[in-house]
C-alpha atoms as a PDB file:
ATOM      1  CA  UNK A   1      56.892  18.938 196.401  1.00  0.00           C
ATOM      2  CA  UNK A   2      53.197  19.746 196.909  1.00  0.00           C
ATOM      3  CA  UNK A   3      52.142  16.119 196.290  1.00  0.00           C
ATOM      4  CA  UNK A   4      54.834  14.767 198.614  1.00  0.00           C
ATOM      5  CA  UNK A   5      54.012  17.159 201.469  1.00  0.00           C
ATOM      6  CA  UNK A   6      50.247  16.758 201.327  1.00  0.00           C
ATOM      7  CA  UNK A   7      50.076  12.983 200.769  1.00  0.00           C
ATOM      8  CA  UNK A   8      52.652  12.197 203.462  1.00  0.00           C
ATOM      9  CA  UNK A   9      50.810  14.503 205.872  1.00  0.00           C
ATOM     10  CA  UNK A  10      47.492  12.785 205.118  1.00  0.00           C
ATOM     11  CA  UNK A  11      48.985   9.279 205.494  1.00  0.00           C
ATOM     12  CA  UNK A  12      50.739   9.940 208.798  1.00  0.00           C
ATOM     13  CA  UNK A  13      48.092  12.039 210.499  1.00  0.00           C
ATOM     14  CA  UNK A  14      45.139   9.874 209.431  1.00  0.00           C
ATOM     15  CA  UNK A  15      46.734   6.841 211.045  1.00  0.00           C
ATOM     16  CA  UNK A  16      47.847   8.576 214.218  1.00  0.00           C
ATOM     17  CA  UNK A  17      44.627  10.480 214.855  1.00  0.00           C
ATOM     18  CA  UNK A  18      42.234   7.576 214.613  1.00  0.00           C
ATOM     19  CA  UNK A  19      42.859   7.328 218.356  1.00  0.00           C
ATOM     20  CA  UNK A  20      44.761  10.405 219.483  1.00  0.00           C
ATOM     21  CA  UNK A  21      46.817  13.456 218.599  1.00  0.00           C
ATOM     22  CA  UNK A  22      46.131  16.205 216.095  1.00  0.00           C
ATOM     23  CA  UNK A  23      43.107  15.956 213.863  1.00  0.00           C
ATOM     24  CA  UNK A  24      43.552  15.318 210.135  1.00  0.00           C
ATOM     25  CA  UNK A  25      41.861  18.602 209.215  1.00  0.00           C
ATOM     26  CA  UNK A  26      43.889  20.567 211.767  1.00  0.00           C
ATOM     27  CA  UNK A  27      47.177  19.549 210.155  1.00  0.00           C
ATOM     28  CA  UNK A  28      46.200  18.969 206.510  1.00  0.00           C
ATOM     29  CA  UNK A  29      44.544  22.356 205.952  1.00  0.00           C
ATOM     30  CA  UNK A  30      47.778  24.324 206.618  1.00  0.00           C
ATOM     31  CA  UNK A  31      49.562  21.970 204.196  1.00  0.00           C
ATOM     32  CA  UNK A  32      47.025  22.803 201.481  1.00  0.00           C
ATOM     33  CA  UNK A  33      47.186  26.507 202.433  1.00  0.00           C
ATOM     34  CA  UNK A  34      50.869  26.641 201.533  1.00  0.00           C
ATOM     35  CA  UNK A  35      49.928  26.016 197.883  1.00  0.00           C
ATOM     36  CA  UNK A  36      46.353  27.293 197.485  1.00  0.00           C
ATOM     37  CA  UNK A  37      44.124  30.202 198.596  1.00  0.00           C
ATOM     38  CA  UNK A  38      42.572  29.764 202.048  1.00  0.00           C
ATOM     39  CA  UNK A  39      38.976  28.979 200.920  1.00  0.00           C
ATOM     40  CA  UNK A  40      40.277  26.409 198.418  1.00  0.00           C
ATOM     41  CA  UNK A  41      42.533  24.861 201.087  1.00  0.00           C
ATOM     42  CA  UNK A  42      39.651  24.569 203.570  1.00  0.00           C
ATOM     43  CA  UNK A  43      37.276  23.078 200.981  1.00  0.00           C
ATOM     44  CA  UNK A  44      39.900  20.625 199.683  1.00  0.00           C
ATOM     45  CA  UNK A  45      40.679  19.534 203.243  1.00  0.00           C
ATOM     46  CA  UNK A  46      36.964  19.067 203.910  1.00  0.00           C
ATOM     47  CA  UNK A  47      36.684  16.677 200.943  1.00  0.00           C
ATOM     48  CA  UNK A  48      39.632  14.586 202.149  1.00  0.00           C
ATOM     49  CA  UNK A  49      38.380  14.728 205.744  1.00  0.00           C
ATOM     50  CA  UNK A  50      34.870  13.577 204.781  1.00  0.00           C
ATOM     51  CA  UNK A  51      36.092  10.772 202.521  1.00  0.00           C
ATOM     52  CA  UNK A  52      38.519   9.589 205.188  1.00  0.00           C
ATOM     53  CA  UNK A  53      35.862   9.641 207.885  1.00  0.00           C
ATOM     54  CA  UNK A  54      33.418   7.722 205.689  1.00  0.00           C
ATOM     55  CA  UNK A  55      36.144   5.103 205.342  1.00  0.00           C
ATOM     56  CA  UNK A  56      36.660   5.101 209.114  1.00  0.00           C
ATOM     57  CA  UNK A  57      32.903   4.847 209.532  1.00  0.00           C
ATOM     58  CA  UNK A  58      32.966   1.583 207.585  1.00  0.00           C
ATOM     59  CA  UNK A  59      35.757   0.332 209.845  1.00  0.00           C
ATOM     60  CA  UNK A  60      34.427   1.293 213.273  1.00  0.00           C
ATOM     61  CA  UNK A  61      30.969   2.858 212.773  1.00  0.00           C
ATOM     62  CA  UNK A  62      29.028   0.003 214.348  1.00  0.00           C
ATOM     63  CA  UNK A  63      30.435   0.969 217.736  1.00  0.00           C
ATOM     64  CA  UNK A  64      28.937   4.504 217.717  1.00  0.00           C
ATOM     65  CA  UNK A  65      26.652   5.555 220.576  1.00  0.00           C
ATOM     66  CA  UNK A  66      23.685   7.111 218.778  1.00  0.00           C
ATOM     67  CA  UNK A  67      22.338   8.719 221.929  1.00  0.00           C
ATOM     68  CA  UNK A  68      25.529  10.725 222.238  1.00  0.00           C
ATOM     69  CA  UNK A  69      25.536  11.368 218.496  1.00  0.00           C
ATOM     70  CA  UNK A  70      22.086  12.970 218.750  1.00  0.00           C
ATOM     71  CA  UNK A  71      23.037  15.220 221.681  1.00  0.00           C
ATOM     72  CA  UNK A  72      26.380  16.289 220.227  1.00  0.00           C
ATOM     73  CA  UNK A  73      26.198  16.077 216.449  1.00  0.00           C
ATOM     74  CA  UNK A  74      22.842  17.721 215.789  1.00  0.00           C
ATOM     75  CA  UNK A  75      23.942  21.003 217.443  1.00  0.00           C
ATOM     76  CA  UNK A  76      27.274  20.591 215.633  1.00  0.00           C
ATOM     77  CA  UNK A  77      25.504  20.401 212.280  1.00  0.00           C
ATOM     78  CA  UNK A  78      23.569  23.610 212.970  1.00  0.00           C
ATOM     79  CA  UNK A  79      26.697  25.430 214.127  1.00  0.00           C
ATOM     80  CA  UNK A  80      28.636  24.169 211.086  1.00  0.00           C
ATOM     81  CA  UNK A  81      26.130  26.017 208.911  1.00  0.00           C
ATOM     82  CA  UNK A  82      27.007  29.237 210.719  1.00  0.00           C
ATOM     83  CA  UNK A  83      30.744  28.591 210.647  1.00  0.00           C
ATOM     84  CA  UNK A  84      30.837  27.788 206.939  1.00  0.00           C
ATOM     85  CA  UNK A  85      28.662  30.807 206.178  1.00  0.00           C
ATOM     86  CA  UNK A  86      31.014  32.998 208.219  1.00  0.00           C
ATOM     87  CA  UNK A  87      33.940  31.780 206.081  1.00  0.00           C
ATOM     88  CA  UNK A  88      32.087  32.894 202.950  1.00  0.00           C
ATOM     89  CA  UNK A  89      31.532  36.324 204.517  1.00  0.00           C
ATOM     90  CA  UNK A  90      35.219  36.699 205.476  1.00  0.00           C
ATOM     91  CA  UNK A  91      36.303  35.767 201.940  1.00  0.00           C
ATOM     92  CA  UNK A  92      34.267  38.637 200.519  1.00  0.00           C
ATOM     93  CA  UNK A  93      35.712  41.328 202.800  1.00  0.00           C
ATOM     94  CA  UNK A  94      38.290  43.815 201.451  1.00  0.00           C
ATOM     95  CA  UNK A  95      42.009  43.809 202.238  1.00  0.00           C
ATOM     96  CA  UNK A  96      42.763  45.149 205.720  1.00  0.00           C
ATOM     97  CA  UNK A  97      46.299  46.332 205.110  1.00  0.00           C
ATOM     98  CA  UNK A  98      49.231  45.999 202.735  1.00  0.00           C
ATOM     99  CA  UNK A  99      52.937  46.588 203.213  1.00  0.00           C
ATOM    100  CA  UNK A 100      56.238  46.130 201.423  1.00  0.00           C
ATOM    101  CA  UNK A 101      59.009  43.917 202.763  1.00  0.00           C
ATOM    102  CA  UNK A 102      62.227  42.954 200.984  1.00  0.00           C
ATOM    103  CA  UNK A 103      60.878  44.371 197.743  1.00  0.00           C
ATOM    104  CA  UNK A 104      57.614  42.398 197.855  1.00  0.00           C
ATOM    105  CA  UNK A 105      54.113  43.618 198.638  1.00  0.00           C
ATOM    106  CA  UNK A 106      52.124  41.572 201.184  1.00  0.00           C
ATOM    107  CA  UNK A 107      48.411  41.881 201.915  1.00  0.00           C
ATOM    108  CA  UNK A 108      46.626  41.138 205.178  1.00  0.00           C
ATOM    109  CA  UNK A 109      43.103  39.949 204.421  1.00  0.00           C
ATOM    110  CA  UNK A 110      40.300  39.172 206.909  1.00  0.00           C
ATOM    111  CA  UNK A 111      40.085  35.501 205.918  1.00  0.00           C
ATOM    112  CA  UNK A 112      43.861  34.964 206.283  1.00  0.00           C
ATOM    113  CA  UNK A 113      43.912  36.831 209.588  1.00  0.00           C
ATOM    114  CA  UNK A 114      41.037  34.787 211.043  1.00  0.00           C
ATOM    115  CA  UNK A 115      42.189  31.389 209.780  1.00  0.00           C
ATOM    116  CA  UNK A 116      45.833  32.053 210.657  1.00  0.00           C
ATOM    117  CA  UNK A 117      44.865  33.038 214.195  1.00  0.00           C
ATOM    118  CA  UNK A 118      42.726  29.906 214.556  1.00  0.00           C
ATOM    119  CA  UNK A 119      45.554  27.674 213.313  1.00  0.00           C
ATOM    120  CA  UNK A 120      47.889  29.097 215.955  1.00  0.00           C
ATOM    121  CA  UNK A 121      45.220  28.870 218.679  1.00  0.00           C
ATOM    122  CA  UNK A 122      44.329  25.253 217.932  1.00  0.00           C
ATOM    123  CA  UNK A 123      47.989  24.234 217.662  1.00  0.00           C
ATOM    124  CA  UNK A 124      48.532  25.636 221.159  1.00  0.00           C
ATOM    125  CA  UNK A 125      45.380  23.916 222.441  1.00  0.00           C
ATOM    126  CA  UNK A 126      46.457  20.569 221.046  1.00  0.00           C
ATOM    127  CA  UNK A 127      49.846  20.971 222.745  1.00  0.00           C
ATOM    128  CA  UNK A 128      48.417  21.959 226.121  1.00  0.00           C
ATOM    129  CA  UNK A 129      48.544  19.039 228.584  1.00  0.00           C
ATOM    130  CA  UNK A 130      45.751  20.657 230.596  1.00  0.00           C
ATOM    131  CA  UNK A 131      43.478  20.901 227.566  1.00  0.00           C
ATOM    132  CA  UNK A 132      44.326  17.354 226.474  1.00  0.00           C
ATOM    133  CA  UNK A 133      43.369  16.106 229.939  1.00  0.00           C
ATOM    134  CA  UNK A 134      40.252  18.261 230.117  1.00  0.00           C
ATOM    135  CA  UNK A 135      37.061  16.249 230.467  1.00  0.00           C
ATOM    136  CA  UNK A 136      33.842  18.245 230.415  1.00  0.00           C
ATOM    137  CA  UNK A 137      30.688  16.789 232.045  1.00  0.00           C
ATOM    138  CA  UNK A 138      28.190  15.078 229.684  1.00  0.00           C
ATOM    139  CA  UNK A 139      25.474  17.673 230.376  1.00  0.00           C
ATOM    140  CA  UNK A 140      27.478  20.116 228.238  1.00  0.00           C
ATOM    141  CA  UNK A 141      27.483  17.859 225.157  1.00  0.00           C
ATOM    142  CA  UNK A 142      25.196  20.197 223.133  1.00  0.00           C
ATOM    143  CA  UNK A 143      27.516  23.118 223.899  1.00  0.00           C
ATOM    144  CA  UNK A 144      30.468  21.034 222.751  1.00  0.00           C
ATOM    145  CA  UNK A 145      28.618  20.241 219.539  1.00  0.00           C
ATOM    146  CA  UNK A 146      28.026  23.942 218.908  1.00  0.00           C
ATOM    147  CA  UNK A 147      31.694  24.845 219.453  1.00  0.00           C
ATOM    148  CA  UNK A 148      33.055  21.915 217.468  1.00  0.00           C
ATOM    149  CA  UNK A 149      30.607  22.454 214.607  1.00  0.00           C
ATOM    150  CA  UNK A 150      31.160  26.198 214.335  1.00  0.00           C
ATOM    151  CA  UNK A 151      34.945  26.007 214.213  1.00  0.00           C
ATOM    152  CA  UNK A 152      34.737  22.960 211.954  1.00  0.00           C
ATOM    153  CA  UNK A 153      32.624  24.929 209.491  1.00  0.00           C
ATOM    154  CA  UNK A 154      34.794  28.030 209.700  1.00  0.00           C
ATOM    155  CA  UNK A 155      38.283  26.547 209.547  1.00  0.00           C
ATOM    156  CA  UNK A 156      38.074  22.752 209.738  1.00  0.00           C
ATOM    157  CA  UNK A 157      39.329  22.707 213.340  1.00  0.00           C
ATOM    158  CA  UNK A 158      36.767  20.576 215.153  1.00  0.00           C
ATOM    159  CA  UNK A 159      38.657  17.682 216.719  1.00  0.00           C
ATOM    160  CA  UNK A 160      40.012  19.429 219.806  1.00  0.00           C
ATOM    161  CA  UNK A 161      36.619  20.472 221.165  1.00  0.00           C
ATOM    162  CA  UNK A 162      35.003  17.216 220.064  1.00  0.00           C
ATOM    163  CA  UNK A 163      37.451  15.124 222.079  1.00  0.00           C
ATOM    164  CA  UNK A 164      37.213  17.348 225.160  1.00  0.00           C
ATOM    165  CA  UNK A 165      33.435  17.019 225.293  1.00  0.00           C
ATOM    166  CA  UNK A 166      33.110  13.354 224.292  1.00  0.00           C
ATOM    167  CA  UNK A 167      35.804  11.977 226.589  1.00  0.00           C
ATOM    168  CA  UNK A 168      33.528  12.031 229.672  1.00  0.00           C
ATOM    169  CA  UNK A 169      30.437  10.657 227.945  1.00  0.00           C
ATOM    170  CA  UNK A 170      30.878   7.192 229.435  1.00  0.00           C
ATOM    171  CA  UNK A 171      32.007   5.698 226.127  1.00  0.00           C
ATOM    172  CA  UNK A 172      34.515   2.911 225.819  1.00  0.00           C
ATOM    173  CA  UNK A 173      37.474   3.427 223.518  1.00  0.00           C
ATOM    174  CA  UNK A 174      35.859   2.001 220.384  1.00  0.00           C
ATOM    175  CA  UNK A 175      32.578   3.837 220.965  1.00  0.00           C
ATOM    176  CA  UNK A 176      34.482   7.074 221.595  1.00  0.00           C
ATOM    177  CA  UNK A 177      36.323   6.770 218.270  1.00  0.00           C
ATOM    178  CA  UNK A 178      33.213   5.736 216.322  1.00  0.00           C
ATOM    179  CA  UNK A 179      31.008   8.461 217.819  1.00  0.00           C
ATOM    180  CA  UNK A 180      33.627  11.073 216.985  1.00  0.00           C
ATOM    181  CA  UNK A 181      33.813   9.797 213.408  1.00  0.00           C
ATOM    182  CA  UNK A 182      30.026  10.016 212.985  1.00  0.00           C
ATOM    183  CA  UNK A 183      30.062  13.585 214.266  1.00  0.00           C
ATOM    184  CA  UNK A 184      32.892  14.521 211.910  1.00  0.00           C
ATOM    185  CA  UNK A 185      31.015  13.059 208.937  1.00  0.00           C
ATOM    186  CA  UNK A 186      27.925  15.108 209.778  1.00  0.00           C
ATOM    187  CA  UNK A 187      29.872  18.363 210.172  1.00  0.00           C
ATOM    188  CA  UNK A 188      31.915  17.761 207.011  1.00  0.00           C
ATOM    189  CA  UNK A 189      28.795  17.038 204.971  1.00  0.00           C
ATOM    190  CA  UNK A 190      27.094  20.225 206.143  1.00  0.00           C
ATOM    191  CA  UNK A 191      30.078  22.469 205.539  1.00  0.00           C
ATOM    192  CA  UNK A 192      30.776  21.015 202.100  1.00  0.00           C
ATOM    193  CA  UNK A 193      27.199  21.801 201.090  1.00  0.00           C
ATOM    194  CA  UNK A 194      27.693  25.435 202.152  1.00  0.00           C
ATOM    195  CA  UNK A 195      31.085  25.670 200.423  1.00  0.00           C
ATOM    196  CA  UNK A 196      29.601  24.161 197.259  1.00  0.00           C
ATOM    197  CA  UNK A 197      26.588  26.442 197.197  1.00  0.00           C
ATOM    198  CA  UNK A 198      28.827  29.455 197.809  1.00  0.00           C
ATOM    199  CA  UNK A 199      31.163  28.438 194.990  1.00  0.00           C
ATOM    200  CA  UNK A 200      28.420  27.982 192.436  1.00  0.00           C
ATOM    201  CA  UNK A 201      26.540  31.148 193.392  1.00  0.00           C
ATOM    202  CA  UNK A 202      29.403  33.587 194.005  1.00  0.00           C
ATOM    203  CA  UNK A 203      32.472  31.765 192.631  1.00  0.00           C
ATOM    204  CA  UNK A 204      34.466  33.288 195.492  1.00  0.00           C
ATOM    205  CA  UNK A 205      37.493  31.184 194.512  1.00  0.00           C
ATOM    206  CA  UNK A 206      38.265  29.680 191.138  1.00  0.00           C
ATOM    207  CA  UNK A 207      39.170  26.024 191.669  1.00  0.00           C
ATOM    208  CA  UNK A 208      42.788  25.444 190.586  1.00  0.00           C
ATOM    209  CA  UNK A 209      42.943  22.435 188.278  1.00  0.00           C
ATOM    210  CA  UNK A 210      45.822  20.809 190.143  1.00  0.00           C
ATOM    211  CA  UNK A 211      43.895  20.715 193.424  1.00  0.00           C
ATOM    212  CA  UNK A 212      41.703  17.863 192.141  1.00  0.00           C
ATOM    213  CA  UNK A 213      44.658  15.517 191.748  1.00  0.00           C
ATOM    214  CA  UNK A 214      46.015  16.534 195.133  1.00  0.00           C
ATOM    215  CA  UNK A 215      42.664  15.883 196.816  1.00  0.00           C
ATOM    216  CA  UNK A 216      42.505  12.400 195.277  1.00  0.00           C
ATOM    217  CA  UNK A 217      46.094  11.622 196.282  1.00  0.00           C
ATOM    218  CA  UNK A 218      45.563  12.914 199.821  1.00  0.00           C
ATOM    219  CA  UNK A 219      42.320  10.936 200.132  1.00  0.00           C
ATOM    220  CA  UNK A 220      43.978   7.669 199.145  1.00  0.00           C
ATOM    221  CA  UNK A 221      46.868   8.378 201.525  1.00  0.00           C
ATOM    222  CA  UNK A 222      44.388   9.101 204.334  1.00  0.00           C
ATOM    223  CA  UNK A 223      42.583   5.822 203.593  1.00  0.00           C
ATOM    224  CA  UNK A 224      45.858   3.955 203.949  1.00  0.00           C
ATOM    225  CA  UNK A 225      46.630   5.751 207.200  1.00  0.00           C
ATOM    226  CA  UNK A 226      43.179   4.992 208.627  1.00  0.00           C
ATOM    227  CA  UNK A 227      43.449   1.330 207.619  1.00  0.00           C
ATOM    228  CA  UNK A 228      46.790   0.997 209.378  1.00  0.00           C
ATOM    229  CA  UNK A 229      45.614   2.975 212.412  1.00  0.00           C
ATOM    230  CA  UNK A 230      42.491   0.847 212.851  1.00  0.00           C
ATOM    231  CA  UNK A 231      44.712  -2.179 213.312  1.00  0.00           C
ATOM    232  CA  UNK A 232      46.941  -0.532 215.882  1.00  0.00           C
ATOM    233  CA  UNK A 233      44.774  -0.835 218.954  1.00  0.00           C
ATOM    234  CA  UNK A 234      47.166   1.080 221.168  1.00  0.00           C
ATOM    235  CA  UNK A 235      47.066   4.794 221.863  1.00  0.00           C
ATOM    236  CA  UNK A 236      49.692   6.748 219.968  1.00  0.00           C
ATOM    237  CA  UNK A 237      50.884   9.937 221.601  1.00  0.00           C
ATOM    238  CA  UNK A 238      54.353  10.658 220.132  1.00  0.00           C
ATOM    239  CA  UNK A 239      54.795  13.905 222.044  1.00  0.00           C
ATOM    240  CA  UNK A 240      57.909  14.952 220.095  1.00  0.00           C
ATOM    241  CA  UNK A 241      56.125  14.563 216.772  1.00  0.00           C
ATOM    242  CA  UNK A 242      53.185  16.612 218.034  1.00  0.00           C
ATOM    243  CA  UNK A 243      55.532  19.406 219.133  1.00  0.00           C
ATOM    244  CA  UNK A 244      57.219  19.514 215.718  1.00  0.00           C
ATOM    245  CA  UNK A 245      53.873  19.565 213.928  1.00  0.00           C
ATOM    246  CA  UNK A 246      52.570  22.293 216.245  1.00  0.00           C
ATOM    247  CA  UNK A 247      55.600  24.490 215.603  1.00  0.00           C
ATOM    248  CA  UNK A 248      55.099  24.089 211.853  1.00  0.00           C
ATOM    249  CA  UNK A 249      51.404  24.926 212.206  1.00  0.00           C
ATOM    250  CA  UNK A 250      52.197  28.016 214.243  1.00  0.00           C
ATOM    251  CA  UNK A 251      54.639  29.076 211.545  1.00  0.00           C
ATOM    252  CA  UNK A 252      51.965  28.677 208.864  1.00  0.00           C
ATOM    253  CA  UNK A 253      49.430  30.512 211.017  1.00  0.00           C
ATOM    254  CA  UNK A 254      51.758  33.452 211.578  1.00  0.00           C
ATOM    255  CA  UNK A 255      52.582  33.491 207.870  1.00  0.00           C
ATOM    256  CA  UNK A 256      48.892  33.701 206.998  1.00  0.00           C
ATOM    257  CA  UNK A 257      48.079  36.458 209.477  1.00  0.00           C
ATOM    258  CA  UNK A 258      51.001  38.521 208.159  1.00  0.00           C
ATOM    259  CA  UNK A 259      50.063  37.902 204.526  1.00  0.00           C
ATOM    260  CA  UNK A 260      53.268  36.004 203.684  1.00  0.00           C
ATOM    261  CA  UNK A 261      51.350  32.898 202.542  1.00  0.00           C
END
């Protein structure tokens, strides 16, 4: 069940989000979170996200606008350091509350509360027509990099802000996609370094053995999705699919904040 859910999610979302819709990390992280602790889910998603974006970089990277990359991605990299470090801090905080329901004891932890709230918030943002249509002037690109990088480092949710700030940068469709991919690669690389250093120095989460196979399977599925998506040069919106995915994400987010997952 875990392999089927995660690989199918990676395949479908990687293809659809090469041009539009939910980001791979936004959807895949909750899928991992159903089966693994939050820090492990975020780190595993980051590995798949980085590998998938490196693959996309090979497909479309030549079209990137490096002027925009410098203005947006360098602040994003710095903010990703802060976001990833904040995740490590949240993981180390004590349980906030515990309660019994239907004979089971549930715990509300800071990391689950924060990440669950962010999942719900970003699901609502991705569904909002106003936010989807929002185009922020190019002079705010560094601010967009800071926001995208911080939330990317903290929870993996970086695509929504990235799109909102890059959409008015005067880029054509291919340059928009490629520039976003370059930014994602930079943020993913930075946050994986922080996650790795934190793991080896504090061992805040033991790495479940089965997660390695799932990461490899999800990565290959994401490659296939990106390959297919790169050859579909039309914008995919699929509003009904996005609504279903958002409802599922909100359910996972609520489950995390309440300690049920």
